[in-house]
Amino acid sequence: MDNQLRYSSHTRLEDFGEQSQNTLLRSSVLIIGAGGLGSIASIYLTTSGIGQITVVDFDTIDESNLPRQILFKADDLGKNKALITKKRLMEYNSEAIINSIDKKLSEDEMKKLISHVDIVIDATDNLESRLMINKICYNIKKPLIVGAAIRYEGHVLKLNNTKDHNSCLNCLYSSSDENLENCEGNGIMSPVAGMIGSMMANECIKTLIGINNNKENTISIFDLKNNIYQRINIPKNKKCSVCS
């Protein structure tokens, strides 16, 4: 395959070039959660030339997933999301190394996995997992992209985790926030998941090649019913149990 031709739309970009594309080819990404956000992010990261992608998800595919988790087909019902994601991603880019993990990981297992990648995408749908991933990434200084989508709304958060004075996800939420909503109980417009998943992939790529890495620890909020966008800085919580 002619990589120079394949990724020519990237290398023609200002502040990108062949060096940045080569960085992506040498990079490794961990995607935790292969649902509406993770599946979309995984497609764009694979087709953009990320060299190695590991997908973690112990859930199985059901019919209600199909409108927004577009990697999956009706024939995949009942099968594990991570395994099917690997199969489909290899069809998009056979030169990429795609790994899949189809079980729920302990904190020690997750830490070991995160320590061997360059960046983490959190596309999970529960706060307990998010806070565990956040703590690990902060402690071992791994950049983290967090996404969420519900109804007509989506959030994307980039945490560089490279400096001790950075805030973290635990500054925004804590384990006592038990009643945070999820799309299963409240519904979601399918294209919203697609847009947020794409944004997560975009932030991941920019972080890896060093574009706008000074714009860190801000949450982008999208109201896609009314087409309203805002960005909010996350201040460091002096009482945070993770980063303070």
Protein backbone atom coordinates (compact mmCIF):
# COMPACT_ATOMS: atom_id res chain seq x y z
CA MET A 1 0.00 0.00 0.00
CA ASP A 2 1.22 3.49 -0.88
CA ASN A 3 1.00 5.33 2.46
CA GLN A 4 2.19 8.56 0.88
CA LEU A 5 -0.86 8.56 -1.38
CA ARG A 6 -3.26 7.16 1.19
CA TYR A 7 -2.59 9.89 3.73
CA SER A 8 -1.91 12.71 1.28
CA SER A 9 -4.95 14.66 2.49
CA HIS A 10 -3.31 14.76 5.92
CA THR A 11 0.19 15.65 4.79
CA ARG A 12 -1.09 18.59 2.74
CA LEU A 13 -2.47 20.19 5.89
CA GLU A 14 -0.73 23.16 7.45
CA ASP A 15 1.20 22.16 10.60
CA PHE A 16 0.93 18.46 9.74
CA GLY A 17 3.14 17.02 7.01
CA GLU A 18 4.80 13.63 6.63
CA GLN A 19 6.52 13.81 10.02
CA SER A 20 3.16 14.03 11.79
CA GLN A 21 1.77 11.15 9.76
CA ASN A 22 4.78 9.05 10.68
CA THR A 23 4.12 9.91 14.33
CA LEU A 24 0.59 8.51 13.98
CA LEU A 25 1.93 5.35 12.35
CA ARG A 26 4.21 4.82 15.39
CA SER A 27 1.48 5.65 17.94
CA SER A 28 -0.65 3.36 20.09
CA VAL A 29 -4.15 4.17 21.33
CA LEU A 30 -6.30 2.44 23.92
CA ILE A 31 -10.06 2.76 23.39
CA ILE A 32 -12.10 1.74 26.42
CA GLY A 33 -15.68 1.15 25.34
CA ALA A 34 -16.77 0.17 21.83
CA GLY A 35 -20.26 1.63 21.90
CA GLY A 36 -21.65 4.69 20.13
CA LEU A 37 -18.58 6.86 20.82
CA GLY A 38 -15.77 4.31 20.85
CA SER A 39 -16.84 2.55 17.66
CA ILE A 40 -16.92 5.81 15.70
CA ALA A 41 -13.62 7.03 17.16
CA SER A 42 -12.02 3.69 16.33
CA ILE A 43 -12.99 3.94 12.66
CA TYR A 44 -11.41 7.34 12.17
CA LEU A 45 -8.29 6.50 14.14
CA THR A 46 -7.80 3.34 12.10
CA THR A 47 -8.34 5.04 8.76
CA SER A 48 -6.15 7.98 9.84
CA GLY A 49 -3.15 5.71 10.20
CA ILE A 50 -2.76 5.03 13.93
CA GLY A 51 -0.28 2.16 14.07
CA GLN A 52 -1.76 0.19 16.96
CA ILE A 53 -5.21 0.30 18.54
CA THR A 54 -6.46 -1.75 21.47
CA VAL A 55 -10.22 -1.93 22.06
CA VAL A 56 -11.66 -3.01 25.41
CA ASP A 57 -15.33 -3.92 25.88
CA PHE A 58 -16.96 -6.89 27.62
CA ASP A 59 -20.48 -6.03 26.41
CA THR A 60 -22.42 -7.77 23.63
CA ILE A 61 -24.24 -6.22 20.70
CA ASP A 62 -28.02 -5.84 20.90
CA GLU A 63 -30.53 -4.51 18.41
CA SER A 64 -30.88 -1.11 20.07
CA ASN A 65 -27.15 -0.49 19.44
CA LEU A 66 -27.41 -0.66 15.65
CA PRO A 67 -28.65 2.89 14.86
CA ARG A 68 -25.58 4.60 16.35
CA GLN A 69 -22.90 1.88 16.63
CA ILE A 70 -22.43 1.68 12.90
CA LEU A 71 -19.57 -0.80 12.91
CA PHE A 72 -22.10 -3.47 13.82
CA LYS A 73 -24.67 -5.28 11.67
CA ALA A 74 -27.75 -7.37 12.38
CA ASP A 75 -25.69 -10.53 11.94
CA ASP A 76 -23.52 -9.43 14.88
CA LEU A 77 -26.29 -9.50 17.50
CA GLY A 78 -25.21 -11.29 20.66
CA LYS A 79 -21.51 -11.11 19.80
CA ASN A 80 -18.85 -9.26 21.78
CA LYS A 81 -18.33 -5.63 20.76
CA ALA A 82 -14.53 -5.62 21.06
CA LEU A 83 -14.09 -8.73 18.93
CA ILE A 84 -16.40 -7.49 16.17
CA THR A 85 -14.77 -4.06 16.29
CA LYS A 86 -11.37 -5.64 15.69
CA LYS A 87 -12.73 -7.63 12.76
CA ARG A 88 -14.25 -4.55 11.10
CA LEU A 89 -11.31 -2.24 11.73
CA MET A 90 -8.94 -4.66 10.03
CA GLU A 91 -11.17 -4.42 6.95
CA TYR A 92 -10.69 -0.64 6.98
CA ASN A 93 -6.89 -0.81 7.37
CA SER A 94 -5.20 -4.18 7.17
CA GLU A 95 -1.81 -2.64 8.01
CA ALA A 96 -2.89 -1.44 11.45
CA ILE A 97 -2.34 -3.62 14.51
CA ILE A 98 -5.73 -4.07 16.16
CA ASN A 99 -6.04 -5.77 19.55
CA SER A 100 -9.28 -6.62 21.33
CA ILE A 101 -10.01 -7.42 24.97
CA ASP A 102 -13.45 -8.86 25.68
CA LYS A 103 -13.50 -8.93 29.46
CA LYS A 104 -13.92 -6.51 32.34
CA LEU A 105 -10.50 -5.47 33.61
CA SER A 106 -9.42 -4.97 37.20
CA GLU A 107 -7.71 -1.73 38.17
CA ASP A 108 -4.30 -3.43 38.12
CA GLU A 109 -4.97 -4.90 34.68
CA MET A 110 -6.15 -1.53 33.40
CA LYS A 111 -3.06 0.21 34.79
CA LYS A 112 -0.76 -2.26 33.07
CA LEU A 113 -2.60 -1.80 29.78
CA ILE A 114 -2.61 2.00 29.97
CA SER A 115 1.11 2.09 30.79
CA HIS A 116 1.92 0.55 27.40
CA VAL A 117 0.02 3.00 25.15
CA ASP A 118 0.55 6.62 24.15
CA ILE A 119 -2.98 7.91 24.79
CA VAL A 120 -6.31 6.70 26.17
CA ILE A 121 -9.85 7.27 24.90
CA ASP A 122 -12.52 6.82 27.55
CA ALA A 123 -15.78 5.95 25.79
CA THR A 124 -17.31 4.14 28.76
CA ASP A 125 -20.81 4.84 30.04
CA ASN A 126 -20.48 4.64 33.81
CA LEU A 127 -18.87 6.96 36.33
CA GLU A 128 -17.06 4.29 38.33
CA SER A 129 -15.05 3.22 35.28
CA ARG A 130 -14.39 6.81 34.23
CA LEU A 131 -12.99 7.77 37.62
CA MET A 132 -10.76 4.69 37.74
CA ILE A 133 -9.39 5.42 34.26
CA ASN A 134 -8.90 9.07 35.16
CA LYS A 135 -6.93 8.21 38.32
CA ILE A 136 -4.64 5.80 36.48
CA CYS A 137 -3.99 8.21 33.61
CA TYR A 138 -3.28 11.11 35.96
CA ASN A 139 -0.92 9.10 38.14
CA ILE A 140 1.15 7.76 35.24
CA LYS A 141 0.88 10.97 33.18
CA LYS A 142 -0.98 9.56 30.18
CA PRO A 143 -3.12 11.90 28.07
CA LEU A 144 -6.82 11.09 28.25
CA ILE A 145 -9.74 11.95 25.96
CA VAL A 146 -13.17 11.60 27.59
CA GLY A 147 -16.47 11.72 25.72
CA ALA A 148 -20.13 11.53 26.64
CA ALA A 149 -23.38 11.78 24.68
CA ILE A 150 -27.03 11.78 25.72
CA ARG A 151 -30.25 12.99 24.09
CA TYR A 152 -29.09 15.82 21.76
CA GLU A 153 -26.03 16.73 23.82
CA GLY A 154 -22.38 15.77 23.84
CA HIS A 155 -19.23 16.52 25.82
CA VAL A 156 -15.56 16.12 24.89
CA LEU A 157 -12.81 16.59 27.45
CA LYS A 158 -9.05 16.48 26.85
CA LEU A 159 -6.81 15.90 29.87
CA ASN A 160 -3.11 16.12 29.06
CA ASN A 161 -2.01 14.96 32.54
CA THR A 162 1.54 16.10 31.91
CA LYS A 163 1.80 18.66 34.71
CA ASP A 164 1.18 18.36 38.44
CA HIS A 165 -0.92 21.53 38.47
CA ASN A 166 -3.40 20.13 35.89
CA SER A 167 -6.96 19.42 36.96
CA CYS A 168 -8.56 16.02 36.32
CA LEU A 169 -11.96 14.43 35.79
CA ASN A 170 -12.30 13.88 39.53
CA CYS A 171 -12.27 17.67 39.95
CA LEU A 172 -15.51 17.73 37.96
CA TYR A 173 -17.21 14.59 39.28
CA SER A 174 -16.72 12.28 42.22
CA SER A 175 -17.85 8.82 43.22
CA SER A 176 -20.70 10.41 45.21
CA ASP A 177 -22.36 11.57 41.97
CA GLU A 178 -24.52 8.47 41.78
CA ASN A 179 -27.35 9.68 39.60
CA LEU A 180 -25.58 10.83 36.46
CA GLU A 181 -27.71 10.06 33.43
CA ASN A 182 -26.89 7.62 30.65
CA CYS A 183 -28.16 7.29 27.10
CA GLU A 184 -29.76 3.90 27.78
CA GLY A 185 -32.23 5.42 30.20
CA ASN A 186 -32.69 8.78 28.51
CA GLY A 187 -32.27 8.16 24.79
CA ILE A 188 -29.90 9.66 22.25
CA MET A 189 -30.11 10.94 18.70
CA SER A 190 -27.85 8.62 16.71
CA PRO A 191 -25.82 11.30 14.82
CA VAL A 192 -24.93 12.92 18.15
CA ALA A 193 -22.87 9.84 19.05
CA GLY A 194 -21.23 9.98 15.63
CA MET A 195 -20.24 13.61 16.01
CA ILE A 196 -18.84 13.21 19.52
CA GLY A 197 -16.96 10.05 18.57
CA SER A 198 -15.42 11.90 15.63
CA MET A 199 -14.45 14.81 17.88
CA MET A 200 -12.75 12.39 20.27
CA ALA A 201 -10.73 10.92 17.41
CA ASN A 202 -9.80 14.41 16.26
CA GLU A 203 -8.63 15.45 19.72
CA CYS A 204 -6.66 12.23 20.01
CA ILE A 205 -4.82 12.87 16.74
CA LYS A 206 -4.11 16.50 17.62
CA THR A 207 -2.72 15.48 20.99
CA LEU A 208 -0.43 12.86 19.47
CA ILE A 209 1.09 15.26 16.93
CA GLY A 210 1.18 18.29 19.24
CA ILE A 211 -1.49 20.54 17.75
CA ASN A 212 -3.10 22.87 20.33
CA ASN A 213 -1.67 20.93 23.26
CA ASN A 214 -1.64 24.18 25.21
CA LYS A 215 -5.47 24.14 25.19
CA GLU A 216 -5.75 21.53 27.85
CA ASN A 217 -8.21 20.53 30.52
CA THR A 218 -11.22 22.19 28.91
CA ILE A 219 -14.57 20.55 28.29
CA SER A 220 -16.34 21.23 24.99
CA ILE A 221 -20.12 21.09 25.30
CA PHE A 222 -22.34 20.63 22.26
CA ASP A 223 -26.10 21.28 22.27
CA LEU A 224 -26.93 19.74 18.90
CA LYS A 225 -30.65 20.38 19.18
CA ASN A 226 -30.08 24.13 19.16
CA ASN A 227 -26.60 24.12 17.56
CA ILE A 228 -24.96 25.79 20.53
CA TYR A 229 -21.32 25.21 21.45
CA GLN A 230 -19.40 26.31 24.51
CA ARG A 231 -16.05 25.51 26.06
CA ILE A 232 -15.41 25.59 29.80
CA ASN A 233 -12.10 25.38 31.65
CA ILE A 234 -11.97 22.82 34.45
CA PRO A 235 -10.36 24.46 37.49
CA LYS A 236 -8.28 22.35 39.84
CA ASN A 237 -10.24 21.31 42.89
CA LYS A 238 -7.97 21.78 45.91
CA LYS A 239 -9.84 18.99 47.68
CA CYS A 240 -9.57 16.54 44.78
CA SER A 241 -8.48 13.11 46.01
CA VAL A 242 -6.60 12.40 42.76
CA CYS A 243 -4.69 15.49 41.64
CA SER A 244 -4.32 17.60 44.79
